[in-house]
Amino acid sequence: MRSEPLRFKKSQYSGAQTNCVEVAHTMAHLRDSKQGLGAVPLHGDAAALIASVKAGRISR
């Protein structure tokens, strides 16, 4: 059970667009920015991918 609500952030490259994928501050949930609610928990490879990108181990 989470003790605090999830806070989501979208990429700065998204600008004012609303059709984005947002990631929670915990790096363990994603959501569609058009939906607002209904975060999807990340498991295994997806969570590892996001952690690698955040750590700068993967570049564009």
Foldseek 3Di string as FASTA:
>chain_A
DDPDDWDWDFDPVCPPDQQTWIATPVLQWIDGSVVVDDIDGDDDPSSVVVVCVVVVVDDD
